[in-house]
Amino acid sequence: MFLLLHSGAIVMCLHGGQAIPAMIQPRVLVNGMPIVLQTTTYIISNCSYPPSPIANGPCVTAQWITAATRVSSNGIPVLLQNSQAICASSGTGLNVIETQMQVMGQ
């Protein structure tokens, strides 16, 4: 079991850029903040990964590829602390640094 992600969770790309959800699920709240679903794109700012031709960066957006298998909202899996994402254009992932500490899912 892992903690559910909510709109106030601290999520960063692997290069230190801050990632925030572009959309939230306002019908379900955890600690007074909306949860986030697997279909939500994350917007990344301040990524330090160099652009072409040095590298493939910086990270601009991220899409989640894994989420909860047993918890959903409106038929869409919710994001968990261990969910995995892929960033465009670097192809690397996101790290969940901090999230709420009360609600868990699987």
C-alpha atoms as a PDB file:
ATOM      1  CA  MET A   1       0.000   0.000   0.000  1.00  0.00           C
ATOM      2  CA  PHE A   2       1.218   3.472  -0.907  1.00  0.00           C
ATOM      3  CA  LEU A   3       0.093   7.011  -0.168  1.00  0.00           C
ATOM      4  CA  LEU A   4      -2.289   8.761  -2.614  1.00  0.00           C
ATOM      5  CA  LEU A   5      -1.050  11.827  -4.478  1.00  0.00           C
ATOM      6  CA  HIS A   6      -2.977  15.048  -4.045  1.00  0.00           C
ATOM      7  CA  SER A   7      -2.683  18.454  -5.682  1.00  0.00           C
ATOM      8  CA  GLY A   8      -0.361  19.697  -2.910  1.00  0.00           C
ATOM      9  CA  ALA A   9       2.165  16.870  -3.294  1.00  0.00           C
ATOM     10  CA  ILE A  10       5.754  17.870  -4.040  1.00  0.00           C
ATOM     11  CA  VAL A  11       6.785  16.187  -7.294  1.00  0.00           C
ATOM     12  CA  MET A  12      10.009  16.884  -9.196  1.00  0.00           C
ATOM     13  CA  CYS A  13      11.697  15.699 -12.358  1.00  0.00           C
ATOM     14  CA  LEU A  14      15.018  13.920 -11.938  1.00  0.00           C
ATOM     15  CA  HIS A  15      16.839  17.171 -12.760  1.00  0.00           C
ATOM     16  CA  GLY A  16      15.213  19.272 -10.040  1.00  0.00           C
ATOM     17  CA  GLY A  17      12.333  20.808 -11.987  1.00  0.00           C
ATOM     18  CA  GLN A  18       9.055  21.231 -10.119  1.00  0.00           C
ATOM     19  CA  ALA A  19       6.107  19.271 -11.523  1.00  0.00           C
ATOM     20  CA  ILE A  20       2.488  20.268 -10.913  1.00  0.00           C
ATOM     21  CA  PRO A  21      -0.724  18.663 -12.173  1.00  0.00           C
ATOM     22  CA  ALA A  22      -2.388  20.375 -15.124  1.00  0.00           C
ATOM     23  CA  MET A  23      -5.762  19.099 -13.931  1.00  0.00           C
ATOM     24  CA  ILE A  24      -7.150  17.736 -10.664  1.00  0.00           C
ATOM     25  CA  GLN A  25     -10.093  15.568  -9.571  1.00  0.00           C
ATOM     26  CA  PRO A  26     -12.185  18.050  -7.555  1.00  0.00           C
ATOM     27  CA  ARG A  27     -14.775  15.475  -6.441  1.00  0.00           C
ATOM     28  CA  VAL A  28     -12.406  13.561  -4.139  1.00  0.00           C
ATOM     29  CA  LEU A  29     -10.414  15.363  -1.452  1.00  0.00           C
ATOM     30  CA  VAL A  30      -7.602  14.182   0.801  1.00  0.00           C
ATOM     31  CA  ASN A  31      -6.672  16.542   3.646  1.00  0.00           C
ATOM     32  CA  GLY A  32      -8.874  19.123   1.931  1.00  0.00           C
ATOM     33  CA  MET A  33      -6.971  18.928  -1.378  1.00  0.00           C
ATOM     34  CA  PRO A  34      -8.074  17.234  -4.620  1.00  0.00           C
ATOM     35  CA  ILE A  35      -6.490  13.922  -5.613  1.00  0.00           C
ATOM     36  CA  VAL A  36      -4.741  13.392  -8.947  1.00  0.00           C
ATOM     37  CA  LEU A  37      -5.624  10.761 -11.577  1.00  0.00           C
ATOM     38  CA  GLN A  38      -3.380   8.764 -13.923  1.00  0.00           C
ATOM     39  CA  THR A  39      -4.630  10.644 -16.992  1.00  0.00           C
ATOM     40  CA  THR A  40      -3.378  13.951 -15.574  1.00  0.00           C
ATOM     41  CA  THR A  41      -0.442  15.530 -17.385  1.00  0.00           C
ATOM     42  CA  TYR A  42       2.104  17.223 -15.147  1.00  0.00           C
ATOM     43  CA  ILE A  43       3.667  20.535 -16.185  1.00  0.00           C
ATOM     44  CA  ILE A  44       7.371  20.875 -15.311  1.00  0.00           C
ATOM     45  CA  SER A  45       9.194  24.140 -14.694  1.00  0.00           C
ATOM     46  CA  ASN A  46      12.845  24.959 -13.990  1.00  0.00           C
ATOM     47  CA  CYS A  47      14.296  21.654 -15.208  1.00  0.00           C
ATOM     48  CA  SER A  48      18.090  21.886 -15.366  1.00  0.00           C
ATOM     49  CA  TYR A  49      18.560  19.207 -18.038  1.00  0.00           C
ATOM     50  CA  PRO A  50      20.352  20.796 -21.019  1.00  0.00           C
ATOM     51  CA  PRO A  51      18.624  21.182 -24.411  1.00  0.00           C
ATOM     52  CA  SER A  52      19.845  19.791 -27.753  1.00  0.00           C
ATOM     53  CA  PRO A  53      22.506  19.195 -28.954  1.00  0.00           C
ATOM     54  CA  ILE A  54      23.978  18.523 -25.494  1.00  0.00           C
ATOM     55  CA  ALA A  55      21.045  16.411 -24.235  1.00  0.00           C
ATOM     56  CA  ASN A  56      17.329  15.791 -24.817  1.00  0.00           C
ATOM     57  CA  GLY A  57      16.023  18.216 -22.196  1.00  0.00           C
ATOM     58  CA  PRO A  58      14.673  20.101 -20.514  1.00  0.00           C
ATOM     59  CA  CYS A  59      11.676  18.231 -19.100  1.00  0.00           C
ATOM     60  CA  VAL A  60       8.488  20.095 -20.031  1.00  0.00           C
ATOM     61  CA  THR A  61       5.602  17.726 -19.300  1.00  0.00           C
ATOM     62  CA  ALA A  62       5.187  14.246 -17.849  1.00  0.00           C
ATOM     63  CA  GLN A  63       2.620  11.504 -18.370  1.00  0.00           C
ATOM     64  CA  TRP A  64       1.995   8.802 -15.764  1.00  0.00           C
ATOM     65  CA  ILE A  65       2.386   5.214 -16.963  1.00  0.00           C
ATOM     66  CA  THR A  66       1.526   3.395 -13.718  1.00  0.00           C
ATOM     67  CA  ALA A  67      -1.064   4.102 -11.035  1.00  0.00           C
ATOM     68  CA  ALA A  68      -3.234   2.340  -8.460  1.00  0.00           C
ATOM     69  CA  THR A  69      -4.662  -1.015  -9.507  1.00  0.00           C
ATOM     70  CA  ARG A  70      -7.436  -1.143  -6.909  1.00  0.00           C
ATOM     71  CA  VAL A  71      -8.389   2.495  -6.327  1.00  0.00           C
ATOM     72  CA  SER A  72     -10.024   4.702  -8.945  1.00  0.00           C
ATOM     73  CA  SER A  73     -12.181   7.787  -9.257  1.00  0.00           C
ATOM     74  CA  ASN A  74     -14.737   8.021 -12.066  1.00  0.00           C
ATOM     75  CA  GLY A  75     -13.203   4.805 -13.421  1.00  0.00           C
ATOM     76  CA  ILE A  76      -9.688   6.266 -13.708  1.00  0.00           C
ATOM     77  CA  PRO A  77      -6.851   4.962 -11.482  1.00  0.00           C
ATOM     78  CA  VAL A  78      -5.560   7.395  -8.865  1.00  0.00           C
ATOM     79  CA  LEU A  79      -1.878   8.235  -8.559  1.00  0.00           C
ATOM     80  CA  LEU A  80       0.147   6.761  -5.723  1.00  0.00           C
ATOM     81  CA  GLN A  81       3.487   7.622  -4.176  1.00  0.00           C
ATOM     82  CA  ASN A  82       5.107   4.805  -6.199  1.00  0.00           C
ATOM     83  CA  SER A  83       3.462   5.669  -9.554  1.00  0.00           C
ATOM     84  CA  GLN A  84       5.859   6.035 -12.495  1.00  0.00           C
ATOM     85  CA  ALA A  85       5.917   8.764 -15.144  1.00  0.00           C
ATOM     86  CA  ILE A  86       7.868   9.615 -18.289  1.00  0.00           C
ATOM     87  CA  CYS A  87       8.929  13.193 -19.014  1.00  0.00           C
ATOM     88  CA  ALA A  88       8.914  14.782 -22.448  1.00  0.00           C
ATOM     89  CA  SER A  89      11.429  15.503 -23.924  1.00  0.00           C
ATOM     90  CA  SER A  90      14.099  13.927 -21.722  1.00  0.00           C
ATOM     91  CA  GLY A  91      12.499  10.481 -21.359  1.00  0.00           C
ATOM     92  CA  THR A  92      13.357  10.373 -17.657  1.00  0.00           C
ATOM     93  CA  GLY A  93      10.937  10.123 -14.736  1.00  0.00           C
ATOM     94  CA  LEU A  94       9.417  12.012 -11.829  1.00  0.00           C
ATOM     95  CA  ASN A  95      10.097  11.689  -8.092  1.00  0.00           C
ATOM     96  CA  VAL A  96       7.347  12.080  -5.521  1.00  0.00           C
ATOM     97  CA  ILE A  97       9.147  13.948  -2.750  1.00  0.00           C
ATOM     98  CA  GLU A  98       6.268  14.547  -0.348  1.00  0.00           C
ATOM     99  CA  THR A  99       2.537  13.834  -0.232  1.00  0.00           C
ATOM    100  CA  GLN A 100      -0.233  13.606   2.336  1.00  0.00           C
ATOM    101  CA  MET A 101       0.296  10.995   5.054  1.00  0.00           C
ATOM    102  CA  GLN A 102      -3.200   9.674   5.790  1.00  0.00           C
ATOM    103  CA  VAL A 103      -4.784   7.890   2.817  1.00  0.00           C
ATOM    104  CA  MET A 104      -3.240   4.825   1.193  1.00  0.00           C
ATOM    105  CA  GLY A 105      -4.167   2.773  -1.855  1.00  0.00           C
ATOM    106  CA  GLN A 106      -3.006  -0.176  -3.898  1.00  0.00           C
END
